[in-house]
Amino acid sequence: MSQSPPRALLALARATTIVMFAVVLAGFLVTETGSAQGCGRHWPLCEGQFTPPFNLHGMVEYGHRFLSSIVGVLVLALAIWAWRRWGRRLEVRLYALLMLLFTMIQALLGAEAVLFPTSPAVLASHFGISLVALGATLALDVRLHETALPRGAPRSRPALPGPLRALVCGYFAYLFLLVYSGAYVAHTGTGMLCGTSWPLCLATPLPALGGGTWIPFLHRFGAFLAVLWTLAVYLALRPYARTRPDALARARLAVLAVLAQAFSGWYLVASGLALPAVMLHITLMVLLFSLATALLLAVLRTPADLAAPSALPGSRLPSASA
């Protein structure tokens, strides 16, 4: 009789999270290399064929579609297995459904972007939906691994105060909007309208915001607020270092990630939006969002959330053969 998810299920959850992370980055690589039409107006085939054309844009777009197909299979397998094995947990059912739903929406928006010309706002929404799919996958991955913890572990992790939870919930939502604004900057091609000055826009605290300058300006200002908010979350969690070291550790990593993200913003501007700088910037941004997701799960967690299924009222212990 086992009280923990099988190792194969945990490995599948971690692999799905990693591939989903790679899919999000590959989608942004498609945008930055101008490869969205690398397979023409054909979907899911590439130029009407199963094999891609042997050129840069075709290979980049085909690689993104190939990764997306792999993640689709992994998501379906993980959702079915997690539901059958740990479906008594409401969170498991919720995260599995969100993961499936937003992975499907992500695929449909990707198809729409290929088959029909669309606006930068819709293209940025495709990236936002991809982040939601990643967040749901990561949440399921984290919860399954936490379920494998010893039953006695949660008793030393009390719930955090409501205001602190609200602070982190707001932080998570704000980061999502910030990432969306970054995708919108990329899809509108306005990244260099603030010139090469950094962190100011056009070397002034409040530049004239005509001609689209407001788009990168708001993103930069939002990034500055994100640094302050991350530090505020970390400082608010420091008094709980002994009782909730898990939440504090994730907040500490978020501080490191947001500072690295700020540095990558300078590198991005100094390089004139060079592709390596763009990919470093977006990788750190997605990493920061992932850490914020893990932090949100830690802050919302209560001791009962980590209890083994056998300890939950009315639950039955899954058989070893399940």
C-alpha atoms as a PDB file:
ATOM      1  CA  MET A   1       0.000   0.000   0.000  1.00  0.00           C
ATOM      2  CA  SER A   2       1.511   3.314  -1.084  1.00  0.00           C
ATOM      3  CA  GLN A   3       0.790   6.726   0.343  1.00  0.00           C
ATOM      4  CA  SER A   4       2.771   8.613  -2.308  1.00  0.00           C
ATOM      5  CA  PRO A   5       2.443   9.006  -6.062  1.00  0.00           C
ATOM      6  CA  PRO A   6       4.593   6.474  -7.931  1.00  0.00           C
ATOM      7  CA  ARG A   7       7.981   7.726  -9.035  1.00  0.00           C
ATOM      8  CA  ALA A   8       7.014   7.330 -12.675  1.00  0.00           C
ATOM      9  CA  LEU A   9       4.112   9.755 -12.197  1.00  0.00           C
ATOM     10  CA  LEU A  10       6.367  12.273 -10.464  1.00  0.00           C
ATOM     11  CA  ALA A  11       8.905  11.937 -13.286  1.00  0.00           C
ATOM     12  CA  LEU A  12       6.168  12.456 -15.876  1.00  0.00           C
ATOM     13  CA  ALA A  13       4.958  15.592 -14.062  1.00  0.00           C
ATOM     14  CA  ARG A  14       8.464  17.061 -13.941  1.00  0.00           C
ATOM     15  CA  ALA A  15       9.157  16.188 -17.592  1.00  0.00           C
ATOM     16  CA  THR A  16       5.869  17.798 -18.673  1.00  0.00           C
ATOM     17  CA  THR A  17       6.735  20.989 -16.792  1.00  0.00           C
ATOM     18  CA  ILE A  18      10.182  21.180 -18.398  1.00  0.00           C
ATOM     19  CA  VAL A  19       8.872  20.593 -21.927  1.00  0.00           C
ATOM     20  CA  MET A  20       6.059  23.104 -21.363  1.00  0.00           C
ATOM     21  CA  PHE A  21       8.686  25.662 -20.295  1.00  0.00           C
ATOM     22  CA  ALA A  22      10.602  24.920 -23.511  1.00  0.00           C
ATOM     23  CA  VAL A  23       7.440  25.339 -25.601  1.00  0.00           C
ATOM     24  CA  VAL A  24       6.842  28.822 -24.162  1.00  0.00           C
ATOM     25  CA  LEU A  25      10.405  29.857 -25.013  1.00  0.00           C
ATOM     26  CA  ALA A  26      10.193  28.278 -28.478  1.00  0.00           C
ATOM     27  CA  GLY A  27       7.043  30.265 -29.191  1.00  0.00           C
ATOM     28  CA  PHE A  28       8.846  33.498 -28.382  1.00  0.00           C
ATOM     29  CA  LEU A  29      11.806  32.405 -30.535  1.00  0.00           C
ATOM     30  CA  VAL A  30       9.363  32.060 -33.443  1.00  0.00           C
ATOM     31  CA  THR A  31       8.261  35.660 -32.907  1.00  0.00           C
ATOM     32  CA  GLU A  32      11.759  37.116 -32.559  1.00  0.00           C
ATOM     33  CA  THR A  33      13.126  35.352 -35.662  1.00  0.00           C
ATOM     34  CA  GLY A  34      10.092  36.284 -37.757  1.00  0.00           C
ATOM     35  CA  SER A  35       9.350  32.612 -38.330  1.00  0.00           C
ATOM     36  CA  ALA A  36       5.593  32.667 -37.733  1.00  0.00           C
ATOM     37  CA  GLN A  37       5.012  31.998 -41.432  1.00  0.00           C
ATOM     38  CA  GLY A  38       7.919  29.580 -41.740  1.00  0.00           C
ATOM     39  CA  CYS A  39       5.448  26.847 -42.661  1.00  0.00           C
ATOM     40  CA  GLY A  40       3.234  29.106 -44.738  1.00  0.00           C
ATOM     41  CA  ARG A  41      -0.498  29.288 -44.101  1.00  0.00           C
ATOM     42  CA  HIS A  42      -0.610  25.577 -43.307  1.00  0.00           C
ATOM     43  CA  TRP A  43      -1.442  23.975 -39.966  1.00  0.00           C
ATOM     44  CA  PRO A  44      -0.723  21.472 -38.476  1.00  0.00           C
ATOM     45  CA  LEU A  45       1.364  20.426 -41.514  1.00  0.00           C
ATOM     46  CA  CYS A  46       4.304  22.529 -42.682  1.00  0.00           C
ATOM     47  CA  GLU A  47       3.856  23.780 -46.237  1.00  0.00           C
ATOM     48  CA  GLY A  48       1.369  20.939 -46.616  1.00  0.00           C
ATOM     49  CA  GLN A  49       4.030  18.331 -45.720  1.00  0.00           C
ATOM     50  CA  PHE A  50       5.090  16.351 -42.663  1.00  0.00           C
ATOM     51  CA  THR A  51       8.707  17.470 -43.109  1.00  0.00           C
ATOM     52  CA  PRO A  52       9.767  21.114 -42.791  1.00  0.00           C
ATOM     53  CA  PRO A  53      11.496  23.170 -45.491  1.00  0.00           C
ATOM     54  CA  PHE A  54      15.235  23.323 -44.960  1.00  0.00           C
ATOM     55  CA  ASN A  55      15.550  26.988 -44.082  1.00  0.00           C
ATOM     56  CA  LEU A  56      15.832  28.897 -40.796  1.00  0.00           C
ATOM     57  CA  HIS A  57      12.241  30.069 -40.517  1.00  0.00           C
ATOM     58  CA  GLY A  58      10.787  26.725 -41.496  1.00  0.00           C
ATOM     59  CA  MET A  59      12.958  24.814 -39.023  1.00  0.00           C
ATOM     60  CA  VAL A  60      12.195  27.220 -36.149  1.00  0.00           C
ATOM     61  CA  GLU A  61       8.443  27.094 -36.723  1.00  0.00           C
ATOM     62  CA  TYR A  62       8.496  23.324 -37.250  1.00  0.00           C
ATOM     63  CA  GLY A  63      10.551  22.844 -34.081  1.00  0.00           C
ATOM     64  CA  HIS A  64       7.974  24.810 -32.104  1.00  0.00           C
ATOM     65  CA  ARG A  65       5.134  22.714 -33.508  1.00  0.00           C
ATOM     66  CA  PHE A  66       7.048  19.502 -32.799  1.00  0.00           C
ATOM     67  CA  LEU A  67       7.621  20.490 -29.172  1.00  0.00           C
ATOM     68  CA  SER A  68       3.967  21.491 -28.882  1.00  0.00           C
ATOM     69  CA  SER A  69       2.851  18.067 -30.105  1.00  0.00           C
ATOM     70  CA  ILE A  70       5.096  16.366 -27.565  1.00  0.00           C
ATOM     71  CA  VAL A  71       3.763  18.507 -24.733  1.00  0.00           C
ATOM     72  CA  GLY A  72       0.210  17.743 -25.853  1.00  0.00           C
ATOM     73  CA  VAL A  73       0.819  14.012 -25.434  1.00  0.00           C
ATOM     74  CA  LEU A  74       2.560  14.523 -22.081  1.00  0.00           C
ATOM     75  CA  VAL A  75      -0.226  16.780 -20.776  1.00  0.00           C
ATOM     76  CA  LEU A  76      -2.917  14.284 -21.737  1.00  0.00           C
ATOM     77  CA  ALA A  77      -1.042  11.367 -20.136  1.00  0.00           C
ATOM     78  CA  LEU A  78      -0.291  13.342 -16.965  1.00  0.00           C
ATOM     79  CA  ALA A  79      -3.867  14.594 -16.588  1.00  0.00           C
ATOM     80  CA  ILE A  80      -5.380  11.105 -16.974  1.00  0.00           C
ATOM     81  CA  TRP A  81      -2.877   9.425 -14.661  1.00  0.00           C
ATOM     82  CA  ALA A  82      -3.016  12.131 -11.981  1.00  0.00           C
ATOM     83  CA  TRP A  83      -6.839  12.156 -12.074  1.00  0.00           C
ATOM     84  CA  ARG A  84      -7.102   8.370 -11.764  1.00  0.00           C
ATOM     85  CA  ARG A  85      -4.450   8.119  -9.061  1.00  0.00           C
ATOM     86  CA  TRP A  86      -5.110  11.248  -6.985  1.00  0.00           C
ATOM     87  CA  GLY A  87      -8.455  12.472  -8.269  1.00  0.00           C
ATOM     88  CA  ARG A  88      -9.887  12.613  -4.736  1.00  0.00           C
ATOM     89  CA  ARG A  89      -7.898  15.787  -4.237  1.00  0.00           C
ATOM     90  CA  LEU A  90      -9.816  18.803  -5.519  1.00  0.00           C
ATOM     91  CA  GLU A  91      -6.580  20.624  -6.354  1.00  0.00           C
ATOM     92  CA  VAL A  92      -5.339  17.763  -8.514  1.00  0.00           C
ATOM     93  CA  ARG A  93      -8.568  17.746 -10.500  1.00  0.00           C
ATOM     94  CA  LEU A  94      -8.526  21.531 -10.848  1.00  0.00           C
ATOM     95  CA  TYR A  95      -4.914  21.789 -12.012  1.00  0.00           C
ATOM     96  CA  ALA A  96      -5.292  18.851 -14.390  1.00  0.00           C
ATOM     97  CA  LEU A  97      -8.371  20.430 -15.990  1.00  0.00           C
ATOM     98  CA  LEU A  98      -6.729  23.850 -16.272  1.00  0.00           C
ATOM     99  CA  MET A  99      -3.619  22.293 -17.767  1.00  0.00           C
ATOM    100  CA  LEU A 100      -5.654  20.441 -20.400  1.00  0.00           C
ATOM    101  CA  LEU A 101      -7.948  23.366 -21.154  1.00  0.00           C
ATOM    102  CA  PHE A 102      -5.280  26.008 -21.614  1.00  0.00           C
ATOM    103  CA  THR A 103      -2.988  23.694 -23.563  1.00  0.00           C
ATOM    104  CA  MET A 104      -5.850  23.183 -26.021  1.00  0.00           C
ATOM    105  CA  ILE A 105      -6.587  26.922 -26.176  1.00  0.00           C
ATOM    106  CA  GLN A 106      -2.893  27.586 -26.718  1.00  0.00           C
ATOM    107  CA  ALA A 107      -2.853  25.180 -29.670  1.00  0.00           C
ATOM    108  CA  LEU A 108      -5.992  26.731 -31.187  1.00  0.00           C
ATOM    109  CA  LEU A 109      -4.607  30.268 -30.875  1.00  0.00           C
ATOM    110  CA  GLY A 110      -1.388  29.081 -32.484  1.00  0.00           C
ATOM    111  CA  ALA A 111      -3.371  27.661 -35.387  1.00  0.00           C
ATOM    112  CA  GLU A 112      -5.348  30.897 -35.708  1.00  0.00           C
ATOM    113  CA  ALA A 113      -2.154  32.960 -35.807  1.00  0.00           C
ATOM    114  CA  VAL A 114      -0.904  30.828 -38.705  1.00  0.00           C
ATOM    115  CA  LEU A 115      -4.113  30.543 -40.722  1.00  0.00           C
ATOM    116  CA  PHE A 116      -5.460  34.068 -40.263  1.00  0.00           C
ATOM    117  CA  PRO A 117      -3.639  37.413 -39.885  1.00  0.00           C
ATOM    118  CA  THR A 118      -4.238  38.772 -36.412  1.00  0.00           C
ATOM    119  CA  SER A 119      -3.385  41.733 -34.166  1.00  0.00           C
ATOM    120  CA  PRO A 120      -0.445  42.117 -31.737  1.00  0.00           C
ATOM    121  CA  ALA A 121      -2.915  41.989 -28.822  1.00  0.00           C
ATOM    122  CA  VAL A 122      -4.135  38.542 -29.903  1.00  0.00           C
ATOM    123  CA  LEU A 123      -0.587  37.319 -30.491  1.00  0.00           C
ATOM    124  CA  ALA A 124       0.395  38.517 -27.030  1.00  0.00           C
ATOM    125  CA  SER A 125      -2.666  36.715 -25.656  1.00  0.00           C
ATOM    126  CA  HIS A 126      -1.319  33.506 -27.171  1.00  0.00           C
ATOM    127  CA  PHE A 127       1.793  33.969 -25.052  1.00  0.00           C
ATOM    128  CA  GLY A 128      -0.338  34.742 -21.993  1.00  0.00           C
ATOM    129  CA  ILE A 129      -2.386  31.574 -22.467  1.00  0.00           C
ATOM    130  CA  SER A 130       0.871  29.626 -22.775  1.00  0.00           C
ATOM    131  CA  LEU A 131       1.916  31.026 -19.395  1.00  0.00           C
ATOM    132  CA  VAL A 132      -1.366  29.904 -17.816  1.00  0.00           C
ATOM    133  CA  ALA A 133      -0.826  26.403 -19.225  1.00  0.00           C
ATOM    134  CA  LEU A 134       2.703  26.407 -17.806  1.00  0.00           C
ATOM    135  CA  GLY A 135       1.468  27.658 -14.436  1.00  0.00           C
ATOM    136  CA  ALA A 136      -1.191  24.940 -14.195  1.00  0.00           C
ATOM    137  CA  THR A 137       1.332  22.264 -15.177  1.00  0.00           C
ATOM    138  CA  LEU A 138       3.830  23.521 -12.615  1.00  0.00           C
ATOM    139  CA  ALA A 139       1.118  23.677  -9.942  1.00  0.00           C
ATOM    140  CA  LEU A 140       0.160  20.047 -10.578  1.00  0.00           C
ATOM    141  CA  ASP A 141       3.821  19.036 -10.590  1.00  0.00           C
ATOM    142  CA  VAL A 142       4.484  20.801  -7.274  1.00  0.00           C
ATOM    143  CA  ARG A 143       1.374  19.400  -5.591  1.00  0.00           C
ATOM    144  CA  LEU A 144       2.149  15.837  -6.648  1.00  0.00           C
ATOM    145  CA  HIS A 145       5.682  16.138  -5.294  1.00  0.00           C
ATOM    146  CA  GLU A 146       4.389  17.684  -2.064  1.00  0.00           C
ATOM    147  CA  THR A 147       1.984  14.761  -1.685  1.00  0.00           C
ATOM    148  CA  ALA A 148       5.020  12.514  -1.586  1.00  0.00           C
ATOM    149  CA  LEU A 149       6.311  14.306   1.549  1.00  0.00           C
ATOM    150  CA  PRO A 150       6.101  12.476   4.883  1.00  0.00           C
ATOM    151  CA  ARG A 151       2.753  12.877   6.631  1.00  0.00           C
ATOM    152  CA  GLY A 152       4.341  14.544   9.629  1.00  0.00           C
ATOM    153  CA  ALA A 153       6.001  17.326   7.597  1.00  0.00           C
ATOM    154  CA  PRO A 154       2.996  19.650   7.155  1.00  0.00           C
ATOM    155  CA  ARG A 155       2.351  19.973  10.889  1.00  0.00           C
ATOM    156  CA  SER A 156       5.354  22.312  11.238  1.00  0.00           C
ATOM    157  CA  ARG A 157       4.092  24.632   8.460  1.00  0.00           C
ATOM    158  CA  PRO A 158       1.223  26.778   9.735  1.00  0.00           C
ATOM    159  CA  ALA A 159      -0.972  28.882   7.472  1.00  0.00           C
ATOM    160  CA  LEU A 160       0.191  32.438   6.767  1.00  0.00           C
ATOM    161  CA  PRO A 161      -1.905  35.543   7.610  1.00  0.00           C
ATOM    162  CA  GLY A 162      -4.582  36.675   5.199  1.00  0.00           C
ATOM    163  CA  PRO A 163      -2.962  40.042   4.322  1.00  0.00           C
ATOM    164  CA  LEU A 164       0.288  38.301   3.414  1.00  0.00           C
ATOM    165  CA  ARG A 165      -1.605  35.868   1.203  1.00  0.00           C
ATOM    166  CA  ALA A 166      -3.337  38.798  -0.485  1.00  0.00           C
ATOM    167  CA  LEU A 167       0.038  40.480  -1.070  1.00  0.00           C
ATOM    168  CA  VAL A 168       1.376  37.399  -2.862  1.00  0.00           C
ATOM    169  CA  CYS A 169      -1.857  36.852  -4.835  1.00  0.00           C
ATOM    170  CA  GLY A 170      -1.647  40.422  -6.096  1.00  0.00           C
ATOM    171  CA  TYR A 171       2.030  39.953  -6.896  1.00  0.00           C
ATOM    172  CA  PHE A 172       1.294  36.851  -8.974  1.00  0.00           C
ATOM    173  CA  ALA A 173      -1.481  38.587 -10.935  1.00  0.00           C
ATOM    174  CA  TYR A 174       0.704  41.650 -11.484  1.00  0.00           C
ATOM    175  CA  LEU A 175       3.587  39.565 -12.864  1.00  0.00           C
ATOM    176  CA  PHE A 176       1.206  37.906 -15.305  1.00  0.00           C
ATOM    177  CA  LEU A 177       0.150  41.318 -16.630  1.00  0.00           C
ATOM    178  CA  LEU A 178       3.778  42.431 -16.782  1.00  0.00           C
ATOM    179  CA  VAL A 179       4.754  39.415 -18.872  1.00  0.00           C
ATOM    180  CA  TYR A 180       1.809  40.078 -21.162  1.00  0.00           C
ATOM    181  CA  SER A 181       2.962  43.686 -21.602  1.00  0.00           C
ATOM    182  CA  GLY A 182       6.434  42.429 -22.520  1.00  0.00           C
ATOM    183  CA  ALA A 183       4.941  40.151 -25.172  1.00  0.00           C
ATOM    184  CA  TYR A 184       2.901  43.094 -26.462  1.00  0.00           C
ATOM    185  CA  VAL A 185       6.077  45.191 -26.754  1.00  0.00           C
ATOM    186  CA  ALA A 186       7.678  42.401 -28.799  1.00  0.00           C
ATOM    187  CA  HIS A 187       4.696  41.906 -31.111  1.00  0.00           C
ATOM    188  CA  THR A 188       4.298  45.655 -31.743  1.00  0.00           C
ATOM    189  CA  GLY A 189       8.018  46.098 -32.460  1.00  0.00           C
ATOM    190  CA  THR A 190       8.245  49.088 -30.105  1.00  0.00           C
ATOM    191  CA  GLY A 191      11.120  47.844 -27.963  1.00  0.00           C
ATOM    192  CA  MET A 192      13.599  50.525 -29.049  1.00  0.00           C
ATOM    193  CA  LEU A 193      11.233  53.525 -29.057  1.00  0.00           C
ATOM    194  CA  CYS A 194      12.679  54.510 -25.674  1.00  0.00           C
ATOM    195  CA  GLY A 195      16.135  54.721 -27.213  1.00  0.00           C
ATOM    196  CA  THR A 196      19.254  53.280 -25.649  1.00  0.00           C
ATOM    197  CA  SER A 197      18.885  54.994 -22.268  1.00  0.00           C
ATOM    198  CA  TRP A 198      18.085  52.641 -19.393  1.00  0.00           C
ATOM    199  CA  PRO A 199      16.199  52.420 -17.081  1.00  0.00           C
ATOM    200  CA  LEU A 200      14.750  55.775 -18.163  1.00  0.00           C
ATOM    201  CA  CYS A 201      12.884  56.184 -21.425  1.00  0.00           C
ATOM    202  CA  LEU A 202      14.504  58.721 -23.807  1.00  0.00           C
ATOM    203  CA  ALA A 203      16.738  59.774 -20.889  1.00  0.00           C
ATOM    204  CA  THR A 204      13.880  61.411 -18.991  1.00  0.00           C
ATOM    205  CA  PRO A 205      11.599  60.229 -16.177  1.00  0.00           C
ATOM    206  CA  LEU A 206       8.453  61.170 -18.123  1.00  0.00           C
ATOM    207  CA  PRO A 207       8.950  61.275 -21.899  1.00  0.00           C
ATOM    208  CA  ALA A 208       6.416  62.341 -24.513  1.00  0.00           C
ATOM    209  CA  LEU A 209       4.277  59.250 -24.977  1.00  0.00           C
ATOM    210  CA  GLY A 210       3.155  59.686 -28.567  1.00  0.00           C
ATOM    211  CA  GLY A 211       3.935  57.385 -31.478  1.00  0.00           C
ATOM    212  CA  GLY A 212       3.814  54.208 -29.422  1.00  0.00           C
ATOM    213  CA  THR A 213       6.483  55.264 -26.908  1.00  0.00           C
ATOM    214  CA  TRP A 214       3.977  54.645 -24.131  1.00  0.00           C
ATOM    215  CA  ILE A 215       4.139  50.879 -24.780  1.00  0.00           C
ATOM    216  CA  PRO A 216       7.801  50.276 -23.784  1.00  0.00           C
ATOM    217  CA  PHE A 217       7.606  53.082 -21.184  1.00  0.00           C
ATOM    218  CA  LEU A 218       4.778  51.394 -19.301  1.00  0.00           C
ATOM    219  CA  HIS A 219       6.594  48.062 -19.497  1.00  0.00           C
ATOM    220  CA  ARG A 220       9.764  49.560 -18.011  1.00  0.00           C
ATOM    221  CA  PHE A 221       7.826  51.316 -15.278  1.00  0.00           C
ATOM    222  CA  GLY A 222       5.959  48.077 -14.568  1.00  0.00           C
ATOM    223  CA  ALA A 223       9.247  46.179 -14.347  1.00  0.00           C
ATOM    224  CA  PHE A 224      10.519  48.703 -11.773  1.00  0.00           C
ATOM    225  CA  LEU A 225       7.390  48.153  -9.676  1.00  0.00           C
ATOM    226  CA  ALA A 226       7.869  44.381 -10.005  1.00  0.00           C
ATOM    227  CA  VAL A 227      11.327  44.666  -8.409  1.00  0.00           C
ATOM    228  CA  LEU A 228       9.891  46.643  -5.503  1.00  0.00           C
ATOM    229  CA  TRP A 229       6.944  44.251  -5.082  1.00  0.00           C
ATOM    230  CA  THR A 230       9.228  41.208  -5.091  1.00  0.00           C
ATOM    231  CA  LEU A 231      11.397  42.752  -2.390  1.00  0.00           C
ATOM    232  CA  ALA A 232       8.277  43.626  -0.372  1.00  0.00           C
ATOM    233  CA  VAL A 233       7.060  40.021  -0.532  1.00  0.00           C
ATOM    234  CA  TYR A 234      10.449  38.744   0.595  1.00  0.00           C
ATOM    235  CA  LEU A 235      10.639  41.173   3.515  1.00  0.00           C
ATOM    236  CA  ALA A 236       7.074  40.332   4.551  1.00  0.00           C
ATOM    237  CA  LEU A 237       7.971  36.628   4.673  1.00  0.00           C
ATOM    238  CA  ARG A 238      11.211  37.021   6.638  1.00  0.00           C
ATOM    239  CA  PRO A 239       9.483  36.973  10.062  1.00  0.00           C
ATOM    240  CA  TYR A 240       8.196  33.480   9.156  1.00  0.00           C
ATOM    241  CA  ALA A 241      11.648  32.076   8.374  1.00  0.00           C
ATOM    242  CA  ARG A 242      11.384  29.384  11.069  1.00  0.00           C
ATOM    243  CA  THR A 243       7.764  28.360  10.563  1.00  0.00           C
ATOM    244  CA  ARG A 244       7.536  28.665   6.767  1.00  0.00           C
ATOM    245  CA  PRO A 245      11.040  28.247   5.346  1.00  0.00           C
ATOM    246  CA  ASP A 246       9.537  26.815   2.154  1.00  0.00           C
ATOM    247  CA  ALA A 247       7.753  30.070   1.276  1.00  0.00           C
ATOM    248  CA  LEU A 248      10.746  32.225   2.246  1.00  0.00           C
ATOM    249  CA  ALA A 249      13.107  30.131   0.104  1.00  0.00           C
ATOM    250  CA  ARG A 250      10.899  30.620  -2.947  1.00  0.00           C
ATOM    251  CA  ALA A 251      10.641  34.348  -2.281  1.00  0.00           C
ATOM    252  CA  ARG A 252      14.428  34.547  -2.033  1.00  0.00           C
ATOM    253  CA  LEU A 253      14.770  32.859  -5.422  1.00  0.00           C
ATOM    254  CA  ALA A 254      12.209  35.278  -6.841  1.00  0.00           C
ATOM    255  CA  VAL A 255      14.338  38.221  -5.649  1.00  0.00           C
ATOM    256  CA  LEU A 256      17.385  36.796  -7.414  1.00  0.00           C
ATOM    257  CA  ALA A 257      15.357  36.173 -10.564  1.00  0.00           C
ATOM    258  CA  VAL A 258      13.816  39.657 -10.670  1.00  0.00           C
ATOM    259  CA  LEU A 259      17.222  41.305 -10.191  1.00  0.00           C
ATOM    260  CA  ALA A 260      18.663  39.152 -12.971  1.00  0.00           C
ATOM    261  CA  GLN A 261      15.632  40.083 -15.063  1.00  0.00           C
ATOM    262  CA  ALA A 262      16.319  43.792 -14.481  1.00  0.00           C
ATOM    263  CA  PHE A 263      19.949  43.339 -15.554  1.00  0.00           C
ATOM    264  CA  SER A 264      18.813  41.481 -18.672  1.00  0.00           C
ATOM    265  CA  GLY A 265      16.602  44.494 -19.489  1.00  0.00           C
ATOM    266  CA  TRP A 266      19.711  46.675 -19.589  1.00  0.00           C
ATOM    267  CA  TYR A 267      21.510  44.090 -21.724  1.00  0.00           C
ATOM    268  CA  LEU A 268      18.503  43.934 -24.051  1.00  0.00           C
ATOM    269  CA  VAL A 269      18.554  47.689 -24.675  1.00  0.00           C
ATOM    270  CA  ALA A 270      22.357  47.929 -24.874  1.00  0.00           C
ATOM    271  CA  SER A 271      22.458  45.148 -27.478  1.00  0.00           C
ATOM    272  CA  GLY A 272      19.827  46.796 -29.655  1.00  0.00           C
ATOM    273  CA  LEU A 273      17.403  43.883 -29.147  1.00  0.00           C
ATOM    274  CA  ALA A 274      19.903  41.239 -30.228  1.00  0.00           C
ATOM    275  CA  LEU A 275      18.372  37.756 -30.317  1.00  0.00           C
ATOM    276  CA  PRO A 276      20.531  36.271 -27.491  1.00  0.00           C
ATOM    277  CA  ALA A 277      19.581  39.225 -25.251  1.00  0.00           C
ATOM    278  CA  VAL A 278      15.896  38.856 -26.104  1.00  0.00           C
ATOM    279  CA  MET A 279      15.895  35.124 -25.328  1.00  0.00           C
ATOM    280  CA  LEU A 280      17.783  35.676 -22.062  1.00  0.00           C
ATOM    281  CA  HIS A 281      15.239  38.336 -21.085  1.00  0.00           C
ATOM    282  CA  ILE A 282      12.220  36.162 -21.823  1.00  0.00           C
ATOM    283  CA  THR A 283      13.795  33.073 -20.215  1.00  0.00           C
ATOM    284  CA  LEU A 284      14.333  34.973 -16.967  1.00  0.00           C
ATOM    285  CA  MET A 285      10.823  36.419 -17.159  1.00  0.00           C
ATOM    286  CA  VAL A 286       9.230  32.983 -17.561  1.00  0.00           C
ATOM    287  CA  LEU A 287      11.467  31.672 -14.773  1.00  0.00           C
ATOM    288  CA  LEU A 288      10.318  34.514 -12.516  1.00  0.00           C
ATOM    289  CA  PHE A 289       6.677  33.755 -13.334  1.00  0.00           C
ATOM    290  CA  SER A 290       7.294  30.069 -12.523  1.00  0.00           C
ATOM    291  CA  LEU A 291       8.844  30.992  -9.180  1.00  0.00           C
ATOM    292  CA  ALA A 292       5.887  33.274  -8.452  1.00  0.00           C
ATOM    293  CA  THR A 293       3.568  30.346  -9.177  1.00  0.00           C
ATOM    294  CA  ALA A 294       5.481  28.111  -6.765  1.00  0.00           C
ATOM    295  CA  LEU A 295       5.488  30.912  -4.176  1.00  0.00           C
ATOM    296  CA  LEU A 296       1.737  31.375  -4.532  1.00  0.00           C
ATOM    297  CA  LEU A 297       1.195  27.657  -3.920  1.00  0.00           C
ATOM    298  CA  ALA A 298       3.379  27.795  -0.817  1.00  0.00           C
ATOM    299  CA  VAL A 299       1.619  30.850   0.601  1.00  0.00           C
ATOM    300  CA  LEU A 300      -1.888  29.487  -0.026  1.00  0.00           C
ATOM    301  CA  ARG A 301      -0.960  26.112   1.427  1.00  0.00           C
ATOM    302  CA  THR A 302      -2.306  24.995   4.783  1.00  0.00           C
ATOM    303  CA  PRO A 303      -1.179  21.990   6.840  1.00  0.00           C
ATOM    304  CA  ALA A 304      -4.173  19.980   5.593  1.00  0.00           C
ATOM    305  CA  ASP A 305      -3.130  20.551   1.971  1.00  0.00           C
ATOM    306  CA  LEU A 306      -0.068  18.361   2.468  1.00  0.00           C
ATOM    307  CA  ALA A 307      -1.744  15.551   4.370  1.00  0.00           C
ATOM    308  CA  ALA A 308      -1.542  12.142   2.728  1.00  0.00           C
ATOM    309  CA  PRO A 309      -4.781  10.894   1.113  1.00  0.00           C
ATOM    310  CA  SER A 310      -5.229   8.359   3.884  1.00  0.00           C
ATOM    311  CA  ALA A 311      -5.375  11.219   6.393  1.00  0.00           C
ATOM    312  CA  LEU A 312      -8.150  13.066   4.573  1.00  0.00           C
ATOM    313  CA  PRO A 313     -11.727  12.530   5.769  1.00  0.00           C
ATOM    314  CA  GLY A 314     -13.585   9.955   3.729  1.00  0.00           C
ATOM    315  CA  SER A 315     -10.602   9.086   1.541  1.00  0.00           C
ATOM    316  CA  ARG A 316      -9.230   5.686   0.707  1.00  0.00           C
ATOM    317  CA  LEU A 317      -5.624   4.695   0.317  1.00  0.00           C
ATOM    318  CA  PRO A 318      -4.835   3.903  -3.337  1.00  0.00           C
ATOM    319  CA  SER A 319      -3.657   0.401  -4.026  1.00  0.00           C
ATOM    320  CA  ALA A 320      -0.090  -0.253  -5.025  1.00  0.00           C
ATOM    321  CA  SER A 321      -1.248  -1.410  -8.436  1.00  0.00           C
ATOM    322  CA  ALA A 322      -3.147   1.820  -9.189  1.00  0.00           C
END
